[in-house]
Amino acid sequence: MNNNHIEIIGFIAAFLTTAAFLPQVYKTWKTKDVSGLSLPMLLMFFVGIVLWLVYAIYINSPSMIMANVITIVSSFFLIYFKIKYDKK
């Protein structure tokens, strides 16, 4: 399989995994219910995705770069919602 085919698989995987995350962001935004979200998990996830982005840039993988940028923005919103709407 050549690199173009592998990158197409990467774009499909990136679309599916990133799209799967977006309904949670939307639901949290609409309901403002963050009780089921763990701030430590979100922070660890965010740092992990940032590291994946660094790796994707290093290996020059457009599909991974795209997916990780979108996921970084989405997870940032969840962290923001968790901090803003959390009932202490």
PDB file of N, CA and C in Angstrom:
ATOM      1  N   MET A   1       0.855  -1.175   0.000  1.00  0.00           N
ATOM      2  CA  MET A   1       0.000   0.000   0.000  1.00  0.00           C
ATOM      3  C   MET A   1       0.896   1.232   0.000  1.00  0.00           C
ATOM      4  N   ASN A   2       0.597   2.178  -0.892  1.00  0.00           N
ATOM      5  CA  ASN A   2       1.444   3.369  -0.926  1.00  0.00           C
ATOM      6  C   ASN A   2       0.990   4.400   0.112  1.00  0.00           C
ATOM      7  N   ASN A   3       1.790   5.426   0.283  1.00  0.00           N
ATOM      8  CA  ASN A   3       1.521   6.421   1.322  1.00  0.00           C
ATOM      9  C   ASN A   3       0.196   7.144   1.124  1.00  0.00           C
ATOM     10  N   ASN A   4      -0.237   7.350  -0.125  1.00  0.00           N
ATOM     11  CA  ASN A   4      -1.518   8.025  -0.363  1.00  0.00           C
ATOM     12  C   ASN A   4      -2.678   7.200   0.184  1.00  0.00           C
ATOM     13  N   HIS A   5      -2.629   5.898  -0.026  1.00  0.00           N
ATOM     14  CA  HIS A   5      -3.687   5.032   0.501  1.00  0.00           C
ATOM     15  C   HIS A   5      -3.666   5.007   2.026  1.00  0.00           C
ATOM     16  N   ILE A   6      -2.500   4.979   2.588  1.00  0.00           N
ATOM     17  CA  ILE A   6      -2.383   4.986   4.048  1.00  0.00           C
ATOM     18  C   ILE A   6      -2.922   6.296   4.614  1.00  0.00           C
ATOM     19  N   GLU A   7      -2.634   7.415   3.942  1.00  0.00           N
ATOM     20  CA  GLU A   7      -3.120   8.715   4.402  1.00  0.00           C
ATOM     21  C   GLU A   7      -4.645   8.807   4.271  1.00  0.00           C
ATOM     22  N   ILE A   8      -5.221   8.180   3.247  1.00  0.00           N
ATOM     23  CA  ILE A   8      -6.684   8.143   3.111  1.00  0.00           C
ATOM     24  C   ILE A   8      -7.294   7.391   4.287  1.00  0.00           C
ATOM     25  N   ILE A   9      -6.696   6.263   4.641  1.00  0.00           N
ATOM     26  CA  ILE A   9      -7.155   5.528   5.824  1.00  0.00           C
ATOM     27  C   ILE A   9      -7.042   6.422   7.057  1.00  0.00           C
ATOM     28  N   GLY A  10      -5.959   7.164   7.152  1.00  0.00           N
ATOM     29  CA  GLY A  10      -5.767   8.085   8.266  1.00  0.00           C
ATOM     30  C   GLY A  10      -6.834   9.160   8.315  1.00  0.00           C
ATOM     31  N   PHE A  11      -7.200   9.721   7.161  1.00  0.00           N
ATOM     32  CA  PHE A  11      -8.248  10.745   7.128  1.00  0.00           C
ATOM     33  C   PHE A  11      -9.604  10.177   7.540  1.00  0.00           C
ATOM     34  N   ILE A  12      -9.908   8.956   7.111  1.00  0.00           N
ATOM     35  CA  ILE A  12     -11.170   8.318   7.520  1.00  0.00           C
ATOM     36  C   ILE A  12     -11.173   8.090   9.031  1.00  0.00           C
ATOM     37  N   ALA A  13     -10.083   7.559   9.551  1.00  0.00           N
ATOM     38  CA  ALA A  13      -9.975   7.340  11.001  1.00  0.00           C
ATOM     39  C   ALA A  13     -10.056   8.665  11.751  1.00  0.00           C
ATOM     40  N   ALA A  14      -9.387   9.690  11.236  1.00  0.00           N
ATOM     41  CA  ALA A  14      -9.408  11.008  11.867  1.00  0.00           C
ATOM     42  C   ALA A  14     -10.826  11.569  11.889  1.00  0.00           C
ATOM     43  N   PHE A  15     -11.532  11.440  10.792  1.00  0.00           N
ATOM     44  CA  PHE A  15     -12.904  11.938  10.728  1.00  0.00           C
ATOM     45  C   PHE A  15     -13.788  11.225  11.746  1.00  0.00           C
ATOM     46  N   LEU A  16     -13.715   9.906  11.772  1.00  0.00           N
ATOM     47  CA  LEU A  16     -14.585   9.133  12.661  1.00  0.00           C
ATOM     48  C   LEU A  16     -14.289   9.405  14.136  1.00  0.00           C
ATOM     49  N   THR A  17     -13.024   9.397  14.520  1.00  0.00           N
ATOM     50  CA  THR A  17     -12.705   9.593  15.928  1.00  0.00           C
ATOM     51  C   THR A  17     -12.955  11.031  16.375  1.00  0.00           C
ATOM     52  N   THR A  18     -12.721  11.985  15.500  1.00  0.00           N
ATOM     53  CA  THR A  18     -12.982  13.386  15.844  1.00  0.00           C
ATOM     54  C   THR A  18     -14.478  13.657  15.871  1.00  0.00           C
ATOM     55  N   ALA A  19     -15.199  13.154  14.895  1.00  0.00           N
ATOM     56  CA  ALA A  19     -16.655  13.348  14.842  1.00  0.00           C
ATOM     57  C   ALA A  19     -17.328  12.699  16.044  1.00  0.00           C
ATOM     58  N   ALA A  20     -16.799  11.595  16.525  1.00  0.00           N
ATOM     59  CA  ALA A  20     -17.388  10.914  17.679  1.00  0.00           C
ATOM     60  C   ALA A  20     -17.286  11.762  18.943  1.00  0.00           C
ATOM     61  N   PHE A  21     -16.326  12.636  19.009  1.00  0.00           N
ATOM     62  CA  PHE A  21     -16.100  13.482  20.177  1.00  0.00           C
ATOM     63  C   PHE A  21     -17.020  14.709  20.177  1.00  0.00           C
ATOM     64  N   LEU A  22     -17.413  15.179  19.018  1.00  0.00           N
ATOM     65  CA  LEU A  22     -18.171  16.435  18.902  1.00  0.00           C
ATOM     66  C   LEU A  22     -19.554  16.408  19.558  1.00  0.00           C
ATOM     67  N   PRO A  23     -20.314  15.314  19.514  1.00  0.00           N
ATOM     68  CA  PRO A  23     -21.611  15.322  20.200  1.00  0.00           C
ATOM     69  C   PRO A  23     -21.507  15.575  21.706  1.00  0.00           C
ATOM     70  N   GLN A  24     -20.431  15.104  22.333  1.00  0.00           N
ATOM     71  CA  GLN A  24     -20.241  15.355  23.754  1.00  0.00           C
ATOM     72  C   GLN A  24     -20.028  16.842  24.015  1.00  0.00           C
ATOM     73  N   VAL A  25     -19.257  17.479  23.164  1.00  0.00           N
ATOM     74  CA  VAL A  25     -19.022  18.917  23.306  1.00  0.00           C
ATOM     75  C   VAL A  25     -20.344  19.668  23.137  1.00  0.00           C
ATOM     76  N   TYR A  26     -21.107  19.299  22.122  1.00  0.00           N
ATOM     77  CA  TYR A  26     -22.383  19.965  21.861  1.00  0.00           C
ATOM     78  C   TYR A  26     -23.366  19.754  23.021  1.00  0.00           C
ATOM     79  N   LYS A  27     -23.477  18.518  23.489  1.00  0.00           N
ATOM     80  CA  LYS A  27     -24.395  18.215  24.586  1.00  0.00           C
ATOM     81  C   LYS A  27     -24.006  18.982  25.851  1.00  0.00           C
ATOM     82  N   THR A  28     -22.726  19.031  26.141  1.00  0.00           N
ATOM     83  CA  THR A  28     -22.262  19.752  27.322  1.00  0.00           C
ATOM     84  C   THR A  28     -22.558  21.244  27.191  1.00  0.00           C
ATOM     85  N   TRP A  29     -22.352  21.777  26.021  1.00  0.00           N
ATOM     86  CA  TRP A  29     -22.631  23.195  25.766  1.00  0.00           C
ATOM     87  C   TRP A  29     -24.111  23.504  25.941  1.00  0.00           C
ATOM     88  N   LYS A  30     -24.967  22.640  25.416  1.00  0.00           N
ATOM     89  CA  LYS A  30     -26.420  22.877  25.489  1.00  0.00           C
ATOM     90  C   LYS A  30     -26.969  22.679  26.900  1.00  0.00           C
ATOM     91  N   THR A  31     -26.552  21.619  27.573  1.00  0.00           N
ATOM     92  CA  THR A  31     -27.138  21.287  28.876  1.00  0.00           C
ATOM     93  C   THR A  31     -26.396  21.943  30.044  1.00  0.00           C
ATOM     94  N   LYS A  32     -25.153  22.313  29.811  1.00  0.00           N
ATOM     95  CA  LYS A  32     -24.285  22.849  30.871  1.00  0.00           C
ATOM     96  C   LYS A  32     -24.092  21.845  32.018  1.00  0.00           C
ATOM     97  N   ASP A  33     -24.347  20.580  31.744  1.00  0.00           N
ATOM     98  CA  ASP A  33     -24.169  19.514  32.729  1.00  0.00           C
ATOM     99  C   ASP A  33     -22.769  18.926  32.559  1.00  0.00           C
ATOM    100  N   VAL A  34     -21.904  19.211  33.497  1.00  0.00           N
ATOM    101  CA  VAL A  34     -20.529  18.716  33.454  1.00  0.00           C
ATOM    102  C   VAL A  34     -20.255  17.689  34.544  1.00  0.00           C
ATOM    103  N   SER A  35     -21.308  17.239  35.196  1.00  0.00           N
ATOM    104  CA  SER A  35     -21.140  16.328  36.334  1.00  0.00           C
ATOM    105  C   SER A  35     -20.460  15.019  35.936  1.00  0.00           C
ATOM    106  N   GLY A  36     -20.637  14.592  34.714  1.00  0.00           N
ATOM    107  CA  GLY A  36     -20.034  13.340  34.272  1.00  0.00           C
ATOM    108  C   GLY A  36     -18.636  13.498  33.715  1.00  0.00           C
ATOM    109  N   LEU A  37     -18.111  14.710  33.717  1.00  0.00           N
ATOM    110  CA  LEU A  37     -16.789  14.953  33.167  1.00  0.00           C
ATOM    111  C   LEU A  37     -15.765  15.073  34.290  1.00  0.00           C
ATOM    112  N   SER A  38     -14.649  14.431  34.120  1.00  0.00           N
ATOM    113  CA  SER A  38     -13.561  14.478  35.091  1.00  0.00           C
ATOM    114  C   SER A  38     -12.505  15.466  34.606  1.00  0.00           C
ATOM    115  N   LEU A  39     -12.247  16.504  35.394  1.00  0.00           N
ATOM    116  CA  LEU A  39     -11.243  17.493  34.997  1.00  0.00           C
ATOM    117  C   LEU A  39      -9.845  16.879  34.849  1.00  0.00           C
ATOM    118  N   PRO A  40      -9.388  16.026  35.775  1.00  0.00           N
ATOM    119  CA  PRO A  40      -8.056  15.416  35.566  1.00  0.00           C
ATOM    120  C   PRO A  40      -7.989  14.614  34.255  1.00  0.00           C
ATOM    121  N   MET A  41      -9.042  13.872  33.938  1.00  0.00           N
ATOM    122  CA  MET A  41      -9.054  13.110  32.686  1.00  0.00           C
ATOM    123  C   MET A  41      -8.988  14.054  31.494  1.00  0.00           C
ATOM    124  N   LEU A  42      -9.785  15.125  31.528  1.00  0.00           N
ATOM    125  CA  LEU A  42      -9.785  16.076  30.419  1.00  0.00           C
ATOM    126  C   LEU A  42      -8.416  16.728  30.232  1.00  0.00           C
ATOM    127  N   LEU A  43      -7.767  17.068  31.330  1.00  0.00           N
ATOM    128  CA  LEU A  43      -6.445  17.693  31.241  1.00  0.00           C
ATOM    129  C   LEU A  43      -5.400  16.715  30.702  1.00  0.00           C
ATOM    130  N   MET A  44      -5.443  15.471  31.174  1.00  0.00           N
ATOM    131  CA  MET A  44      -4.513  14.461  30.655  1.00  0.00           C
ATOM    132  C   MET A  44      -4.776  14.203  29.171  1.00  0.00           C
ATOM    133  N   PHE A  45      -6.037  14.126  28.797  1.00  0.00           N
ATOM    134  CA  PHE A  45      -6.415  13.928  27.397  1.00  0.00           C
ATOM    135  C   PHE A  45      -5.895  15.084  26.544  1.00  0.00           C
ATOM    136  N   PHE A  46      -6.093  16.323  27.021  1.00  0.00           N
ATOM    137  CA  PHE A  46      -5.655  17.514  26.292  1.00  0.00           C
ATOM    138  C   PHE A  46      -4.148  17.491  26.054  1.00  0.00           C
ATOM    139  N   VAL A  47      -3.386  17.210  27.104  1.00  0.00           N
ATOM    140  CA  VAL A  47      -1.926  17.152  26.967  1.00  0.00           C
ATOM    141  C   VAL A  47      -1.534  16.035  25.999  1.00  0.00           C
ATOM    142  N   GLY A  48      -2.193  14.892  26.097  1.00  0.00           N
ATOM    143  CA  GLY A  48      -1.915  13.789  25.181  1.00  0.00           C
ATOM    144  C   GLY A  48      -2.176  14.162  23.733  1.00  0.00           C
ATOM    145  N   ILE A  49      -3.267  14.858  23.481  1.00  0.00           N
ATOM    146  CA  ILE A  49      -3.590  15.266  22.114  1.00  0.00           C
ATOM    147  C   ILE A  49      -2.586  16.298  21.610  1.00  0.00           C
ATOM    148  N   VAL A  50      -2.154  17.207  22.475  1.00  0.00           N
ATOM    149  CA  VAL A  50      -1.122  18.168  22.069  1.00  0.00           C
ATOM    150  C   VAL A  50       0.154  17.427  21.667  1.00  0.00           C
ATOM    151  N   LEU A  51       0.517  16.406  22.438  1.00  0.00           N
ATOM    152  CA  LEU A  51       1.699  15.617  22.095  1.00  0.00           C
ATOM    153  C   LEU A  51       1.506  14.849  20.790  1.00  0.00           C
ATOM    154  N   TRP A  52       0.287  14.330  20.568  1.00  0.00           N
ATOM    155  CA  TRP A  52       0.002  13.671  19.286  1.00  0.00           C
ATOM    156  C   TRP A  52       0.141  14.660  18.137  1.00  0.00           C
ATOM    157  N   LEU A  53      -0.274  15.910  18.360  1.00  0.00           N
ATOM    158  CA  LEU A  53      -0.141  16.930  17.313  1.00  0.00           C
ATOM    159  C   LEU A  53       1.333  17.193  17.018  1.00  0.00           C
ATOM    160  N   VAL A  54       2.144  17.315  18.052  1.00  0.00           N
ATOM    161  CA  VAL A  54       3.587  17.507  17.842  1.00  0.00           C
ATOM    162  C   VAL A  54       4.150  16.350  17.031  1.00  0.00           C
ATOM    163  N   TYR A  55       3.775  15.135  17.396  1.00  0.00           N
ATOM    164  CA  TYR A  55       4.225  13.949  16.666  1.00  0.00           C
ATOM    165  C   TYR A  55       3.743  13.986  15.211  1.00  0.00           C
ATOM    166  N   ALA A  56       2.483  14.348  15.003  1.00  0.00           N
ATOM    167  CA  ALA A  56       1.922  14.394  13.645  1.00  0.00           C
ATOM    168  C   ALA A  56       2.653  15.413  12.780  1.00  0.00           C
ATOM    169  N   ILE A  57       2.988  16.546  13.376  1.00  0.00           N
ATOM    170  CA  ILE A  57       3.742  17.563  12.633  1.00  0.00           C
ATOM    171  C   ILE A  57       5.132  17.030  12.310  1.00  0.00           C
ATOM    172  N   TYR A  58       5.745  16.379  13.275  1.00  0.00           N
ATOM    173  CA  TYR A  58       7.090  15.833  13.089  1.00  0.00           C
ATOM    174  C   TYR A  58       7.131  14.818  11.946  1.00  0.00           C
ATOM    175  N   ILE A  59       6.121  13.938  11.866  1.00  0.00           N
ATOM    176  CA  ILE A  59       6.119  12.929  10.799  1.00  0.00           C
ATOM    177  C   ILE A  59       5.393  13.423   9.547  1.00  0.00           C
ATOM    178  N   ASN A  60       4.887  14.664   9.608  1.00  0.00           N
ATOM    179  CA  ASN A  60       4.219  15.292   8.473  1.00  0.00           C
ATOM    180  C   ASN A  60       3.011  14.481   7.991  1.00  0.00           C
ATOM    181  N   SER A  61       2.087  14.208   8.908  1.00  0.00           N
ATOM    182  CA  SER A  61       0.874  13.452   8.585  1.00  0.00           C
ATOM    183  C   SER A  61      -0.329  14.390   8.599  1.00  0.00           C
ATOM    184  N   PRO A  62      -0.795  14.813   7.415  1.00  0.00           N
ATOM    185  CA  PRO A  62      -1.923  15.751   7.364  1.00  0.00           C
ATOM    186  C   PRO A  62      -3.175  15.252   8.080  1.00  0.00           C
ATOM    187  N   SER A  63      -3.452  13.961   7.980  1.00  0.00           N
ATOM    188  CA  SER A  63      -4.660  13.434   8.622  1.00  0.00           C
ATOM    189  C   SER A  63      -4.559  13.536  10.143  1.00  0.00           C
ATOM    190  N   MET A  64      -3.416  13.214  10.689  1.00  0.00           N
ATOM    191  CA  MET A  64      -3.238  13.307  12.139  1.00  0.00           C
ATOM    192  C   MET A  64      -3.215  14.760  12.606  1.00  0.00           C
ATOM    193  N   ILE A  65      -2.623  15.632  11.807  1.00  0.00           N
ATOM    194  CA  ILE A  65      -2.600  17.052  12.161  1.00  0.00           C
ATOM    195  C   ILE A  65      -4.024  17.581  12.229  1.00  0.00           C
ATOM    196  N   MET A  66      -4.820  17.301  11.192  1.00  0.00           N
ATOM    197  CA  MET A  66      -6.200  17.786  11.147  1.00  0.00           C
ATOM    198  C   MET A  66      -7.005  17.263  12.341  1.00  0.00           C
ATOM    199  N   ALA A  67      -6.933  15.971  12.576  1.00  0.00           N
ATOM    200  CA  ALA A  67      -7.716  15.369  13.657  1.00  0.00           C
ATOM    201  C   ALA A  67      -7.313  15.935  15.009  1.00  0.00           C
ATOM    202  N   ASN A  68      -6.035  16.087  15.236  1.00  0.00           N
ATOM    203  CA  ASN A  68      -5.574  16.552  16.534  1.00  0.00           C
ATOM    204  C   ASN A  68      -5.867  18.027  16.762  1.00  0.00           C
ATOM    205  N   VAL A  69      -5.795  18.847  15.734  1.00  0.00           N
ATOM    206  CA  VAL A  69      -6.155  20.262  15.899  1.00  0.00           C
ATOM    207  C   VAL A  69      -7.624  20.382  16.284  1.00  0.00           C
ATOM    208  N   ILE A  70      -8.496  19.670  15.582  1.00  0.00           N
ATOM    209  CA  ILE A  70      -9.929  19.727  15.894  1.00  0.00           C
ATOM    210  C   ILE A  70     -10.199  19.176  17.291  1.00  0.00           C
ATOM    211  N   THR A  71      -9.537  18.092  17.647  1.00  0.00           N
ATOM    212  CA  THR A  71      -9.747  17.495  18.964  1.00  0.00           C
ATOM    213  C   THR A  71      -9.192  18.386  20.076  1.00  0.00           C
ATOM    214  N   ILE A  72      -8.100  19.083  19.827  1.00  0.00           N
ATOM    215  CA  ILE A  72      -7.569  20.027  20.815  1.00  0.00           C
ATOM    216  C   ILE A  72      -8.591  21.130  21.083  1.00  0.00           C
ATOM    217  N   VAL A  73      -9.177  21.666  20.031  1.00  0.00           N
ATOM    218  CA  VAL A  73     -10.181  22.720  20.199  1.00  0.00           C
ATOM    219  C   VAL A  73     -11.391  22.171  20.957  1.00  0.00           C
ATOM    220  N   SER A  74     -11.862  21.004  20.582  1.00  0.00           N
ATOM    221  CA  SER A  74     -13.017  20.391  21.241  1.00  0.00           C
ATOM    222  C   SER A  74     -12.746  20.107  22.705  1.00  0.00           C
ATOM    223  N   SER A  75     -11.594  19.536  22.997  1.00  0.00           N
ATOM    224  CA  SER A  75     -11.294  19.211  24.391  1.00  0.00           C
ATOM    225  C   SER A  75     -11.060  20.481  25.210  1.00  0.00           C
ATOM    226  N   PHE A  76     -10.519  21.528  24.579  1.00  0.00           N
ATOM    227  CA  PHE A  76     -10.382  22.804  25.266  1.00  0.00           C
ATOM    228  C   PHE A  76     -11.751  23.325  25.690  1.00  0.00           C
ATOM    229  N   PHE A  77     -12.742  23.222  24.792  1.00  0.00           N
ATOM    230  CA  PHE A  77     -14.096  23.654  25.140  1.00  0.00           C
ATOM    231  C   PHE A  77     -14.649  22.845  26.308  1.00  0.00           C
ATOM    232  N   LEU A  78     -14.426  21.536  26.322  1.00  0.00           N
ATOM    233  CA  LEU A  78     -14.905  20.727  27.444  1.00  0.00           C
ATOM    234  C   LEU A  78     -14.233  21.126  28.752  1.00  0.00           C
ATOM    235  N   ILE A  79     -12.950  21.417  28.697  1.00  0.00           N
ATOM    236  CA  ILE A  79     -12.246  21.876  29.905  1.00  0.00           C
ATOM    237  C   ILE A  79     -12.834  23.212  30.360  1.00  0.00           C
ATOM    238  N   TYR A  80     -13.037  24.104  29.419  1.00  0.00           N
ATOM    239  CA  TYR A  80     -13.632  25.407  29.733  1.00  0.00           C
ATOM    240  C   TYR A  80     -15.022  25.231  30.355  1.00  0.00           C
ATOM    241  N   PHE A  81     -15.858  24.389  29.737  1.00  0.00           N
ATOM    242  CA  PHE A  81     -17.218  24.140  30.264  1.00  0.00           C
ATOM    243  C   PHE A  81     -17.135  23.521  31.658  1.00  0.00           C
ATOM    244  N   LYS A  82     -16.212  22.588  31.863  1.00  0.00           N
ATOM    245  CA  LYS A  82     -16.082  21.935  33.159  1.00  0.00           C
ATOM    246  C   LYS A  82     -15.744  22.967  34.238  1.00  0.00           C
ATOM    247  N   ILE A  83     -14.833  23.848  33.942  1.00  0.00           N
ATOM    248  CA  ILE A  83     -14.443  24.866  34.916  1.00  0.00           C
ATOM    249  C   ILE A  83     -15.558  25.881  35.123  1.00  0.00           C
ATOM    250  N   LYS A  84     -16.207  26.303  34.041  1.00  0.00           N
ATOM    251  CA  LYS A  84     -17.242  27.334  34.122  1.00  0.00           C
ATOM    252  C   LYS A  84     -18.514  26.844  34.799  1.00  0.00           C
ATOM    253  N   TYR A  85     -18.961  25.624  34.455  1.00  0.00           N
ATOM    254  CA  TYR A  85     -20.267  25.142  34.889  1.00  0.00           C
ATOM    255  C   TYR A  85     -20.215  24.174  36.073  1.00  0.00           C
ATOM    256  N   ASP A  86     -19.033  23.841  36.546  1.00  0.00           N
ATOM    257  CA  ASP A  86     -18.938  22.872  37.638  1.00  0.00           C
ATOM    258  C   ASP A  86     -19.554  23.446  38.910  1.00  0.00           C
ATOM    259  N   LYS A  87     -20.429  22.654  39.523  1.00  0.00           N
ATOM    260  CA  LYS A  87     -21.078  23.047  40.785  1.00  0.00           C
ATOM    261  C   LYS A  87     -20.207  22.550  41.920  1.00  0.00           C
ATOM    262  N   LYS A  88     -19.518  23.407  42.533  1.00  0.00           N
ATOM    263  CA  LYS A  88     -18.562  23.029  43.577  1.00  0.00           C
ATOM    264  C   LYS A  88     -19.246  22.625  44.855  1.00  0.00           C
TER     265      LYS A  88
END
